[in-house]
Every structure is written in C-alpha cells, then in structure tokens.
Amino acid sequence: QESSTIIVENSKRFSTKIYIDKKQKAGYYMTNSVSSNRPEKYNIAAFFSGVGGIELGFEQTNEFRVVYANEFDKYARQTYQLNHPDTYLDGRDIHDVQPEDIPAERVDVIMGGFPCQAFSIAGYRKGFDDDRGDLFFELLRMIEGRKPRAIFIENVKNMVGHDHGTTFKVIREALTENNYFIKWKVLNGKES
C-alpha cells in the first residue's frame, strides 16, 4: 500500500528532517541523529491516531513523547489504550476539540493521518466535498492554534493527484501561508 507522507516544518526555524540540534545558515535544521544532547523529549500532539502506529515509531526513537492523542473511533481507541497506556487519549470528534484542550504547555510536533476515504481511489474521491474531506482543515485549526515546530501528515498516495492536484495544492498553500516549509514524498508501505 502506497501512501503520501508530508513532513512540514516551520520555515522560520527549520528546514529538513526530524530532530532539532544544529545551526545552519538559514537557521536551525532537523537532523536524523538520535544522539541529541537535548535533555527533554519533543512533545507530540497526534490526531486521527487510529491504534497509534505512527506515534509508536516516533516514541521508539526515544526523542519524542506523545502528550495528547485524539481518536474518534471507539474500537481504535480501545486498541490505542492497550498500545499506549500512559498517553492522554481524547475520544471527542476533532470538530469539538479546541487547540487549548491539548494538555501541554509546548507542542513541538502535530501529526495526523486524516481519513483517506475522500481521496482514495477505492472511495468516491469527493475530496473536500466529502464530509470527511474537511478534516484536514480541522487539523489546520489545531496547527494554527498551537503553532508546532513541525507537522507530520500521512494519507493515501492519491491525495497528491486528487482532482488533478488541486487538493494537494490547497493543503500545501494552507501550510505555506502558516510559515511552514513542505517536504513530501509518496512511499511504498511494502518496502522497509
């Protein structure tokens, strides 16, 4: 299964990758080194968390901790709680969540794999016209409210080409308008 992954970083502070450590001419950049001399972990607020697979990958680096997770589906929440018993899990619809509801003073990363049915080739491909298609804008509301250092977004491969690229263009423009630099790639989930 191929999916598109977007790693978005605040262009005023960062330019590439996942960990924050070193200075570069344009400011700070994120390096993939796990040997950080930064004593505290980066705080993650996760939305559309499912069973917590993406969060698990970040936590396994020992550089990140999930301070807030949001998942509406009750069965996914049951599994999430088994996988992440120490994480605060909010079961409300994201439409009902306010950015200040995230119980952390600092949010370094907001991540989310918003529902793909609106963009998937297996679905009706209604995009933003689908009731689930507006969920990106709810994630954007959280981003605007908390202004994290970086954003990690995951969705199906077809999101990039949906509606002749218009859907992805809207997403890129919304994030760019909020001073984020976008780096994206379509990945094949079958490959390691």
N, C-alpha and C. Protein backbone atom coordinates (compact mmCIF):
# COMPACT_ATOMS: atom_id res chain seq x y z
N GLN A 1 0.84 -1.18 0.00
CA GLN A 1 0.00 0.00 0.00
C GLN A 1 0.88 1.23 0.00
N GLU A 2 0.72 2.10 -1.00
CA GLU A 2 1.49 3.32 -1.05
C GLU A 2 0.72 4.44 -0.36
N SER A 3 1.45 5.33 0.27
CA SER A 3 0.82 6.47 0.90
C SER A 3 1.70 7.69 0.71
N SER A 4 1.08 8.84 0.81
CA SER A 4 1.86 10.06 0.73
C SER A 4 2.12 10.54 2.14
N THR A 5 3.32 10.96 2.38
CA THR A 5 3.71 11.47 3.68
C THR A 5 4.22 12.88 3.50
N ILE A 6 3.74 13.76 4.33
CA ILE A 6 4.18 15.14 4.28
C ILE A 6 4.85 15.45 5.61
N ILE A 7 6.07 15.90 5.55
CA ILE A 7 6.75 16.39 6.74
C ILE A 7 6.83 17.88 6.55
N VAL A 8 6.23 18.62 7.45
CA VAL A 8 6.15 20.05 7.31
C VAL A 8 6.85 20.68 8.50
N GLU A 9 7.70 21.63 8.23
CA GLU A 9 8.42 22.27 9.30
C GLU A 9 8.24 23.77 9.23
N ASN A 10 8.24 24.43 10.36
CA ASN A 10 8.09 25.87 10.40
C ASN A 10 9.30 26.48 9.72
N SER A 11 9.06 27.20 8.62
CA SER A 11 10.16 27.70 7.81
C SER A 11 10.95 28.80 8.51
N LYS A 12 10.41 29.38 9.56
CA LYS A 12 11.16 30.39 10.28
C LYS A 12 12.22 29.76 11.17
N ARG A 13 12.08 28.46 11.48
CA ARG A 13 13.00 27.82 12.41
C ARG A 13 13.71 26.60 11.84
N PHE A 14 13.10 25.88 10.93
CA PHE A 14 13.65 24.59 10.50
C PHE A 14 13.57 24.43 8.99
N SER A 15 14.35 23.48 8.48
CA SER A 15 14.28 23.21 7.05
C SER A 15 14.15 21.76 6.65
N THR A 16 14.69 20.78 7.37
CA THR A 16 14.51 19.39 6.97
C THR A 16 14.58 18.39 8.12
N LYS A 17 14.01 17.25 7.95
CA LYS A 17 14.06 16.02 8.75
C LYS A 17 13.32 16.06 10.08
N ILE A 18 13.82 15.36 11.12
CA ILE A 18 13.02 15.10 12.31
C ILE A 18 13.57 15.67 13.61
N TYR A 19 14.83 15.65 13.91
CA TYR A 19 15.33 16.10 15.21
C TYR A 19 15.98 17.47 15.12
N ILE A 20 15.86 18.24 16.17
CA ILE A 20 16.38 19.60 16.18
C ILE A 20 17.70 19.61 16.94
N ASP A 21 18.76 20.08 16.33
CA ASP A 21 20.05 20.10 17.00
C ASP A 21 20.98 21.22 16.54
N LYS A 22 21.23 21.29 15.27
CA LYS A 22 22.37 22.06 14.78
C LYS A 22 21.96 23.31 14.03
N LYS A 23 22.86 24.31 14.00
CA LYS A 23 22.60 25.53 13.25
C LYS A 23 23.09 25.37 11.80
N GLN A 24 22.37 26.04 10.92
CA GLN A 24 22.75 26.10 9.52
C GLN A 24 22.49 27.53 9.08
N LYS A 25 22.96 27.98 7.92
CA LYS A 25 22.84 29.38 7.55
C LYS A 25 21.42 29.93 7.62
N ALA A 26 20.41 29.17 7.28
CA ALA A 26 19.03 29.67 7.30
C ALA A 26 18.38 29.55 8.67
N GLY A 27 19.10 29.10 9.64
CA GLY A 27 18.51 28.92 10.97
C GLY A 27 18.84 27.53 11.47
N TYR A 28 17.94 26.94 12.21
CA TYR A 28 18.15 25.59 12.70
C TYR A 28 17.62 24.59 11.69
N TYR A 29 18.20 23.41 11.68
CA TYR A 29 17.64 22.35 10.87
C TYR A 29 17.52 21.11 11.72
N MET A 30 16.72 20.18 11.23
CA MET A 30 16.49 18.94 11.96
C MET A 30 17.34 17.87 11.33
N THR A 31 18.04 17.10 12.14
CA THR A 31 18.92 16.05 11.64
C THR A 31 18.37 14.70 12.07
N ASN A 32 18.75 13.63 11.41
CA ASN A 32 18.23 12.32 11.76
C ASN A 32 19.09 11.63 12.82
N SER A 33 19.92 12.36 13.50
CA SER A 33 20.75 11.80 14.56
C SER A 33 19.93 11.55 15.81
N VAL A 34 20.05 10.36 16.38
CA VAL A 34 19.35 10.07 17.63
C VAL A 34 20.21 10.41 18.84
N SER A 35 21.44 10.86 18.61
CA SER A 35 22.32 11.21 19.72
C SER A 35 22.22 12.71 19.99
N SER A 36 21.05 13.13 20.41
CA SER A 36 20.81 14.53 20.71
C SER A 36 21.31 14.85 22.11
N ASN A 37 21.89 16.04 22.27
CA ASN A 37 22.28 16.44 23.61
C ASN A 37 21.19 17.31 24.24
N ARG A 38 20.03 17.28 23.67
CA ARG A 38 18.86 17.97 24.21
C ARG A 38 18.25 17.05 25.26
N PRO A 39 18.15 17.49 26.53
CA PRO A 39 17.72 16.59 27.60
C PRO A 39 16.25 16.20 27.56
N GLU A 40 15.39 17.06 27.10
CA GLU A 40 13.97 16.74 27.15
C GLU A 40 13.48 16.23 25.80
N LYS A 41 12.41 15.49 25.84
CA LYS A 41 11.84 14.94 24.61
C LYS A 41 10.94 15.96 23.95
N TYR A 42 10.75 15.78 22.65
CA TYR A 42 9.83 16.63 21.89
C TYR A 42 8.41 16.17 22.13
N ASN A 43 7.52 17.11 22.37
CA ASN A 43 6.11 16.80 22.62
C ASN A 43 5.33 16.67 21.32
N ILE A 44 4.55 15.60 21.23
CA ILE A 44 3.71 15.34 20.07
C ILE A 44 2.25 15.42 20.48
N ALA A 45 1.46 16.09 19.64
CA ALA A 45 0.01 16.02 19.72
C ALA A 45 -0.44 15.30 18.44
N ALA A 46 -1.13 14.18 18.60
CA ALA A 46 -1.49 13.33 17.47
C ALA A 46 -3.00 13.32 17.27
N PHE A 47 -3.41 13.45 16.02
CA PHE A 47 -4.83 13.43 15.67
C PHE A 47 -5.09 12.31 14.67
N PHE A 48 -6.33 11.81 14.67
CA PHE A 48 -6.71 10.67 13.81
C PHE A 48 -5.72 9.53 14.10
N SER A 49 -5.53 9.25 15.37
CA SER A 49 -4.45 8.39 15.84
C SER A 49 -4.62 6.91 15.50
N GLY A 50 -5.82 6.47 15.21
CA GLY A 50 -6.02 5.05 14.95
C GLY A 50 -5.56 4.25 16.15
N VAL A 51 -4.71 3.26 15.91
CA VAL A 51 -4.20 2.44 17.01
C VAL A 51 -2.83 2.91 17.49
N GLY A 52 -2.32 4.00 16.92
CA GLY A 52 -1.08 4.61 17.40
C GLY A 52 0.19 4.16 16.73
N GLY A 53 0.11 3.65 15.53
CA GLY A 53 1.30 3.15 14.84
C GLY A 53 2.32 4.22 14.52
N ILE A 54 1.88 5.36 14.04
CA ILE A 54 2.82 6.44 13.70
C ILE A 54 3.49 6.95 14.97
N GLU A 55 2.70 7.13 16.03
CA GLU A 55 3.24 7.61 17.29
C GLU A 55 4.29 6.63 17.83
N LEU A 56 4.03 5.35 17.69
CA LEU A 56 4.96 4.33 18.17
C LEU A 56 6.33 4.49 17.53
N GLY A 57 6.34 4.71 16.23
CA GLY A 57 7.62 4.90 15.53
C GLY A 57 8.39 6.09 16.07
N PHE A 58 7.70 7.17 16.32
CA PHE A 58 8.37 8.35 16.88
C PHE A 58 8.87 8.07 18.29
N GLU A 59 8.03 7.45 19.12
CA GLU A 59 8.42 7.17 20.50
C GLU A 59 9.61 6.21 20.58
N GLN A 60 9.71 5.28 19.63
CA GLN A 60 10.80 4.32 19.66
C GLN A 60 12.16 4.95 19.41
N THR A 61 12.18 6.18 18.91
CA THR A 61 13.46 6.89 18.76
C THR A 61 13.98 7.37 20.10
N ASN A 62 13.12 7.37 21.10
CA ASN A 62 13.44 7.86 22.44
C ASN A 62 13.69 9.37 22.47
N GLU A 63 13.25 10.07 21.45
CA GLU A 63 13.40 11.52 21.34
C GLU A 63 12.05 12.23 21.46
N PHE A 64 10.96 11.48 21.36
CA PHE A 64 9.62 12.07 21.34
C PHE A 64 8.73 11.42 22.39
N ARG A 65 7.76 12.17 22.85
CA ARG A 65 6.72 11.61 23.71
C ARG A 65 5.38 12.19 23.25
N VAL A 66 4.38 11.35 23.25
CA VAL A 66 3.03 11.79 22.86
C VAL A 66 2.35 12.33 24.12
N VAL A 67 2.02 13.61 24.09
CA VAL A 67 1.38 14.24 25.24
C VAL A 67 -0.14 14.32 25.08
N TYR A 68 -0.59 14.06 23.84
CA TYR A 68 -2.03 14.13 23.56
C TYR A 68 -2.29 13.31 22.30
N ALA A 69 -3.36 12.52 22.33
CA ALA A 69 -3.80 11.79 21.14
C ALA A 69 -5.31 11.94 21.04
N ASN A 70 -5.78 12.01 19.81
CA ASN A 70 -7.20 12.16 19.57
C ASN A 70 -7.62 11.11 18.55
N GLU A 71 -8.64 10.32 18.91
CA GLU A 71 -9.20 9.30 18.00
C GLU A 71 -10.68 9.17 18.30
N PHE A 72 -11.50 9.29 17.27
CA PHE A 72 -12.95 9.28 17.42
C PHE A 72 -13.53 7.86 17.45
N ASP A 73 -12.92 6.94 16.72
CA ASP A 73 -13.45 5.57 16.60
C ASP A 73 -13.23 4.80 17.91
N LYS A 74 -14.31 4.29 18.48
CA LYS A 74 -14.21 3.66 19.80
C LYS A 74 -13.38 2.37 19.78
N TYR A 75 -13.42 1.60 18.69
CA TYR A 75 -12.65 0.36 18.63
C TYR A 75 -11.15 0.66 18.48
N ALA A 76 -10.83 1.66 17.68
CA ALA A 76 -9.43 2.07 17.55
C ALA A 76 -8.92 2.59 18.89
N ARG A 77 -9.77 3.32 19.62
CA ARG A 77 -9.37 3.85 20.94
C ARG A 77 -9.05 2.72 21.92
N GLN A 78 -9.83 1.65 21.87
CA GLN A 78 -9.57 0.52 22.77
C GLN A 78 -8.17 -0.05 22.52
N THR A 79 -7.84 -0.22 21.26
CA THR A 79 -6.52 -0.76 20.91
C THR A 79 -5.43 0.27 21.23
N TYR A 80 -5.70 1.53 20.95
CA TYR A 80 -4.72 2.59 21.25
C TYR A 80 -4.36 2.56 22.74
N GLN A 81 -5.37 2.46 23.58
CA GLN A 81 -5.12 2.47 25.03
C GLN A 81 -4.29 1.27 25.46
N LEU A 82 -4.46 0.14 24.79
CA LEU A 82 -3.62 -1.03 25.09
C LEU A 82 -2.17 -0.79 24.65
N ASN A 83 -2.01 -0.17 23.49
CA ASN A 83 -0.67 0.10 22.96
C ASN A 83 0.03 1.25 23.66
N HIS A 84 -0.74 2.23 24.15
CA HIS A 84 -0.17 3.45 24.74
C HIS A 84 -0.90 3.78 26.05
N PRO A 85 -0.73 2.96 27.07
CA PRO A 85 -1.50 3.15 28.31
C PRO A 85 -1.20 4.45 29.05
N ASP A 86 -0.05 5.07 28.80
CA ASP A 86 0.32 6.28 29.53
C ASP A 86 0.00 7.57 28.77
N THR A 87 -0.60 7.46 27.59
CA THR A 87 -0.89 8.64 26.77
C THR A 87 -2.32 9.11 27.01
N TYR A 88 -2.48 10.42 27.15
CA TYR A 88 -3.81 11.00 27.27
C TYR A 88 -4.52 10.84 25.93
N LEU A 89 -5.64 10.13 25.92
CA LEU A 89 -6.40 9.86 24.69
C LEU A 89 -7.76 10.53 24.77
N ASP A 90 -8.00 11.45 23.86
CA ASP A 90 -9.25 12.21 23.77
C ASP A 90 -10.12 11.54 22.71
N GLY A 91 -11.33 11.11 23.08
CA GLY A 91 -12.21 10.41 22.16
C GLY A 91 -13.22 11.31 21.46
N ARG A 92 -13.11 12.61 21.64
CA ARG A 92 -14.07 13.51 21.01
C ARG A 92 -13.83 13.65 19.51
N ASP A 93 -14.87 14.05 18.82
CA ASP A 93 -14.76 14.44 17.42
C ASP A 93 -13.85 15.66 17.35
N ILE A 94 -12.95 15.69 16.39
CA ILE A 94 -12.00 16.80 16.29
C ILE A 94 -12.71 18.15 16.15
N HIS A 95 -13.93 18.16 15.61
CA HIS A 95 -14.69 19.40 15.49
C HIS A 95 -14.97 20.01 16.86
N ASP A 96 -15.00 19.17 17.89
CA ASP A 96 -15.31 19.62 19.25
C ASP A 96 -14.06 19.94 20.08
N VAL A 97 -12.89 19.71 19.53
CA VAL A 97 -11.64 19.92 20.25
C VAL A 97 -11.12 21.33 19.96
N GLN A 98 -10.66 21.99 21.00
CA GLN A 98 -10.04 23.30 20.85
C GLN A 98 -8.53 23.15 21.02
N PRO A 99 -7.73 23.96 20.33
CA PRO A 99 -6.27 23.85 20.48
C PRO A 99 -5.80 23.91 21.93
N GLU A 100 -6.46 24.71 22.74
CA GLU A 100 -6.06 24.83 24.15
C GLU A 100 -6.44 23.60 24.98
N ASP A 101 -7.20 22.67 24.40
CA ASP A 101 -7.53 21.42 25.09
C ASP A 101 -6.35 20.46 25.16
N ILE A 102 -5.33 20.69 24.36
CA ILE A 102 -4.14 19.84 24.38
C ILE A 102 -3.39 20.14 25.67
N PRO A 103 -3.28 19.15 26.57
CA PRO A 103 -2.73 19.40 27.91
C PRO A 103 -1.21 19.44 27.95
N ALA A 104 -0.63 20.37 27.22
CA ALA A 104 0.82 20.53 27.24
C ALA A 104 1.12 22.00 27.00
N GLU A 105 2.09 22.49 27.74
CA GLU A 105 2.49 23.88 27.56
C GLU A 105 3.09 24.08 26.18
N ARG A 106 3.87 23.08 25.72
CA ARG A 106 4.58 23.18 24.46
C ARG A 106 4.23 21.98 23.58
N VAL A 107 3.90 22.23 22.34
CA VAL A 107 3.69 21.16 21.37
C VAL A 107 4.71 21.37 20.26
N ASP A 108 5.64 20.41 20.12
CA ASP A 108 6.69 20.53 19.11
C ASP A 108 6.27 19.99 17.76
N VAL A 109 5.46 18.92 17.78
CA VAL A 109 5.03 18.27 16.55
C VAL A 109 3.54 18.00 16.63
N ILE A 110 2.82 18.36 15.58
CA ILE A 110 1.44 17.91 15.42
C ILE A 110 1.46 16.93 14.26
N MET A 111 0.87 15.77 14.49
CA MET A 111 0.82 14.76 13.44
C MET A 111 -0.60 14.27 13.25
N GLY A 112 -0.88 13.81 12.05
CA GLY A 112 -2.20 13.27 11.80
C GLY A 112 -2.29 12.59 10.45
N GLY A 113 -2.99 11.49 10.44
CA GLY A 113 -3.30 10.79 9.21
C GLY A 113 -4.80 10.89 9.02
N PHE A 114 -5.26 12.07 8.58
CA PHE A 114 -6.71 12.28 8.48
C PHE A 114 -7.32 11.27 7.51
N PRO A 115 -8.60 10.92 7.73
CA PRO A 115 -9.23 9.84 6.95
C PRO A 115 -9.03 9.99 5.45
N CYS A 116 -8.73 8.86 4.82
CA CYS A 116 -8.34 8.87 3.41
C CYS A 116 -9.50 8.59 2.45
N GLN A 117 -10.66 8.19 2.95
CA GLN A 117 -11.74 7.76 2.06
C GLN A 117 -12.12 8.84 1.03
N ALA A 118 -12.00 10.09 1.40
CA ALA A 118 -12.37 11.18 0.50
C ALA A 118 -11.40 11.31 -0.67
N PHE A 119 -10.20 10.75 -0.54
CA PHE A 119 -9.16 10.91 -1.56
C PHE A 119 -8.75 9.60 -2.21
N SER A 120 -9.08 8.48 -1.60
CA SER A 120 -8.62 7.17 -2.03
C SER A 120 -9.25 6.76 -3.36
N ILE A 121 -8.48 6.04 -4.17
CA ILE A 121 -9.03 5.53 -5.42
C ILE A 121 -10.07 4.45 -5.15
N ALA A 122 -10.07 3.88 -3.94
CA ALA A 122 -11.06 2.88 -3.56
C ALA A 122 -12.39 3.52 -3.14
N GLY A 123 -12.38 4.83 -2.89
CA GLY A 123 -13.60 5.52 -2.46
C GLY A 123 -14.24 6.29 -3.61
N TYR A 124 -15.12 7.21 -3.26
CA TYR A 124 -15.81 8.02 -4.28
C TYR A 124 -14.99 9.21 -4.75
N ARG A 125 -13.91 9.49 -4.07
CA ARG A 125 -12.97 10.55 -4.44
C ARG A 125 -13.62 11.94 -4.48
N LYS A 126 -14.47 12.23 -3.52
CA LYS A 126 -15.14 13.53 -3.46
C LYS A 126 -14.25 14.61 -2.86
N GLY A 127 -13.14 14.23 -2.26
CA GLY A 127 -12.20 15.20 -1.72
C GLY A 127 -12.82 16.07 -0.64
N PHE A 128 -12.63 17.37 -0.78
CA PHE A 128 -13.13 18.31 0.22
C PHE A 128 -14.66 18.38 0.24
N ASP A 129 -15.32 17.83 -0.80
CA ASP A 129 -16.79 17.80 -0.82
C ASP A 129 -17.36 16.66 0.01
N ASP A 130 -16.52 15.71 0.40
CA ASP A 130 -16.91 14.61 1.27
C ASP A 130 -16.91 15.14 2.71
N ASP A 131 -17.84 14.66 3.53
CA ASP A 131 -17.89 15.09 4.94
C ASP A 131 -16.55 14.86 5.65
N ARG A 132 -15.84 13.82 5.25
CA ARG A 132 -14.55 13.53 5.87
C ARG A 132 -13.42 14.35 5.26
N GLY A 133 -13.68 14.96 4.12
CA GLY A 133 -12.66 15.74 3.42
C GLY A 133 -12.29 17.03 4.12
N ASP A 134 -13.16 17.52 5.00
CA ASP A 134 -12.86 18.78 5.69
C ASP A 134 -11.97 18.56 6.91
N LEU A 135 -11.63 17.33 7.22
CA LEU A 135 -10.88 17.06 8.43
C LEU A 135 -9.46 17.61 8.37
N PHE A 136 -8.92 17.79 7.17
CA PHE A 136 -7.62 18.46 7.08
C PHE A 136 -7.73 19.86 7.67
N PHE A 137 -8.84 20.55 7.40
CA PHE A 137 -8.99 21.93 7.89
C PHE A 137 -9.15 21.97 9.41
N GLU A 138 -9.67 20.91 9.98
CA GLU A 138 -9.72 20.81 11.44
C GLU A 138 -8.32 20.61 12.01
N LEU A 139 -7.51 19.81 11.32
CA LEU A 139 -6.12 19.64 11.72
C LEU A 139 -5.38 20.97 11.59
N LEU A 140 -5.66 21.69 10.52
CA LEU A 140 -5.05 23.00 10.30
C LEU A 140 -5.43 23.96 11.44
N ARG A 141 -6.64 23.87 11.92
CA ARG A 141 -7.09 24.72 13.04
C ARG A 141 -6.23 24.44 14.28
N MET A 142 -5.89 23.17 14.51
CA MET A 142 -5.02 22.82 15.63
C MET A 142 -3.61 23.38 15.41
N ILE A 143 -3.14 23.27 14.18
CA ILE A 143 -1.80 23.77 13.83
C ILE A 143 -1.74 25.28 14.04
N GLU A 144 -2.75 25.99 13.56
CA GLU A 144 -2.78 27.45 13.72
C GLU A 144 -2.87 27.84 15.19
N GLY A 145 -3.59 27.06 15.98
CA GLY A 145 -3.77 27.37 17.39
C GLY A 145 -2.55 27.08 18.25
N ARG A 146 -1.80 26.02 17.89
CA ARG A 146 -0.66 25.62 18.74
C ARG A 146 0.70 25.96 18.13
N LYS A 147 0.76 26.22 16.85
CA LYS A 147 1.99 26.60 16.16
C LYS A 147 3.19 25.68 16.50
N PRO A 148 3.07 24.40 16.17
CA PRO A 148 4.18 23.49 16.47
C PRO A 148 5.40 23.78 15.59
N ARG A 149 6.53 23.25 16.00
CA ARG A 149 7.76 23.41 15.23
C ARG A 149 7.71 22.62 13.93
N ALA A 150 7.03 21.47 13.97
CA ALA A 150 6.97 20.60 12.80
C ALA A 150 5.61 19.93 12.74
N ILE A 151 5.25 19.51 11.53
CA ILE A 151 3.98 18.82 11.29
C ILE A 151 4.30 17.57 10.49
N PHE A 152 3.63 16.47 10.83
CA PHE A 152 3.79 15.23 10.08
C PHE A 152 2.39 14.80 9.66
N ILE A 153 2.15 14.73 8.36
CA ILE A 153 0.84 14.36 7.83
C ILE A 153 1.00 13.13 6.94
N GLU A 154 0.08 12.18 7.09
CA GLU A 154 0.12 10.96 6.29
C GLU A 154 -1.25 10.75 5.68
N ASN A 155 -1.27 10.29 4.41
CA ASN A 155 -2.52 9.98 3.74
C ASN A 155 -2.23 9.04 2.57
N VAL A 156 -3.26 8.71 1.79
CA VAL A 156 -3.09 7.81 0.64
C VAL A 156 -2.36 8.51 -0.50
N LYS A 157 -1.74 7.70 -1.34
CA LYS A 157 -0.99 8.19 -2.49
C LYS A 157 -1.84 9.10 -3.38
N ASN A 158 -3.11 8.77 -3.54
CA ASN A 158 -3.97 9.53 -4.46
C ASN A 158 -4.25 10.95 -3.98
N MET A 159 -3.97 11.26 -2.73
CA MET A 159 -4.19 12.63 -2.27
C MET A 159 -3.35 13.61 -3.08
N VAL A 160 -2.16 13.20 -3.49
CA VAL A 160 -1.27 14.07 -4.25
C VAL A 160 -1.86 14.41 -5.62
N GLY A 161 -2.49 13.44 -6.28
CA GLY A 161 -3.04 13.67 -7.61
C GLY A 161 -4.53 13.92 -7.65
N HIS A 162 -5.20 13.84 -6.50
CA HIS A 162 -6.66 14.01 -6.44
C HIS A 162 -7.08 15.34 -7.06
N ASP A 163 -8.15 15.30 -7.86
CA ASP A 163 -8.70 16.50 -8.51
C ASP A 163 -7.61 17.23 -9.29
N HIS A 164 -6.83 16.47 -10.05
CA HIS A 164 -5.75 16.99 -10.89
C HIS A 164 -4.73 17.79 -10.08
N GLY A 165 -4.51 17.38 -8.82
CA GLY A 165 -3.52 18.03 -7.97
C GLY A 165 -4.04 19.20 -7.16
N THR A 166 -5.30 19.57 -7.37
CA THR A 166 -5.86 20.73 -6.67
C THR A 166 -5.94 20.52 -5.16
N THR A 167 -6.35 19.33 -4.73
CA THR A 167 -6.47 19.04 -3.30
C THR A 167 -5.13 19.23 -2.59
N PHE A 168 -4.09 18.66 -3.16
CA PHE A 168 -2.77 18.76 -2.55
C PHE A 168 -2.27 20.20 -2.59
N LYS A 169 -2.60 20.91 -3.65
CA LYS A 169 -2.20 22.32 -3.77
C LYS A 169 -2.85 23.14 -2.65
N VAL A 170 -4.12 22.89 -2.36
CA VAL A 170 -4.82 23.61 -1.29
C VAL A 170 -4.14 23.33 0.05
N ILE A 171 -3.80 22.07 0.29
CA ILE A 171 -3.13 21.69 1.54
C ILE A 171 -1.77 22.36 1.64
N ARG A 172 -0.99 22.30 0.58
CA ARG A 172 0.34 22.94 0.58
C ARG A 172 0.24 24.44 0.81
N GLU A 173 -0.69 25.08 0.12
CA GLU A 173 -0.83 26.53 0.26
C GLU A 173 -1.25 26.92 1.68
N ALA A 174 -2.17 26.14 2.27
CA ALA A 174 -2.62 26.44 3.63
C ALA A 174 -1.47 26.35 4.62
N LEU A 175 -0.61 25.38 4.45
CA LEU A 175 0.52 25.21 5.36
C LEU A 175 1.61 26.25 5.10
N THR A 176 1.84 26.56 3.84
CA THR A 176 2.81 27.59 3.48
C THR A 176 2.38 28.95 4.01
N GLU A 177 1.10 29.25 3.93
CA GLU A 177 0.59 30.52 4.46
C GLU A 177 0.80 30.63 5.96
N ASN A 178 0.98 29.50 6.63
CA ASN A 178 1.24 29.48 8.07
C ASN A 178 2.74 29.36 8.37
N ASN A 179 3.56 29.71 7.37
CA ASN A 179 5.02 29.75 7.52
C ASN A 179 5.68 28.39 7.71
N TYR A 180 5.14 27.37 7.06
CA TYR A 180 5.77 26.05 7.11
C TYR A 180 6.40 25.73 5.76
N PHE A 181 7.58 25.10 5.81
CA PHE A 181 8.27 24.59 4.63
C PHE A 181 7.80 23.16 4.45
N ILE A 182 7.48 22.77 3.23
CA ILE A 182 6.90 21.45 2.99
C ILE A 182 7.89 20.55 2.25
N LYS A 183 8.04 19.36 2.79
CA LYS A 183 8.80 18.31 2.13
C LYS A 183 7.89 17.10 2.09
N TRP A 184 7.63 16.55 0.92
CA TRP A 184 6.70 15.42 0.83
C TRP A 184 7.27 14.34 -0.08
N LYS A 185 6.71 13.15 0.12
CA LYS A 185 7.16 12.00 -0.69
C LYS A 185 6.08 10.93 -0.64
N VAL A 186 5.87 10.26 -1.76
CA VAL A 186 4.99 9.09 -1.81
C VAL A 186 5.85 7.88 -1.48
N LEU A 187 5.45 7.15 -0.46
CA LEU A 187 6.21 5.99 0.00
C LEU A 187 5.47 4.70 -0.30
N ASN A 188 6.21 3.64 -0.52
CA ASN A 188 5.61 2.33 -0.70
C ASN A 188 5.69 1.60 0.64
N GLY A 189 4.53 1.36 1.24
CA GLY A 189 4.47 0.73 2.55
C GLY A 189 4.98 -0.71 2.57
N LYS A 190 5.12 -1.34 1.41
CA LYS A 190 5.63 -2.71 1.33
C LYS A 190 7.14 -2.76 1.50
N GLU A 191 7.78 -1.61 1.22
CA GLU A 191 9.25 -1.55 1.33
C GLU A 191 9.61 -1.08 2.72
N SER A 192 10.77 -1.50 3.19
CA SER A 192 11.19 -1.06 4.53
C SER A 192 12.00 0.19 4.49
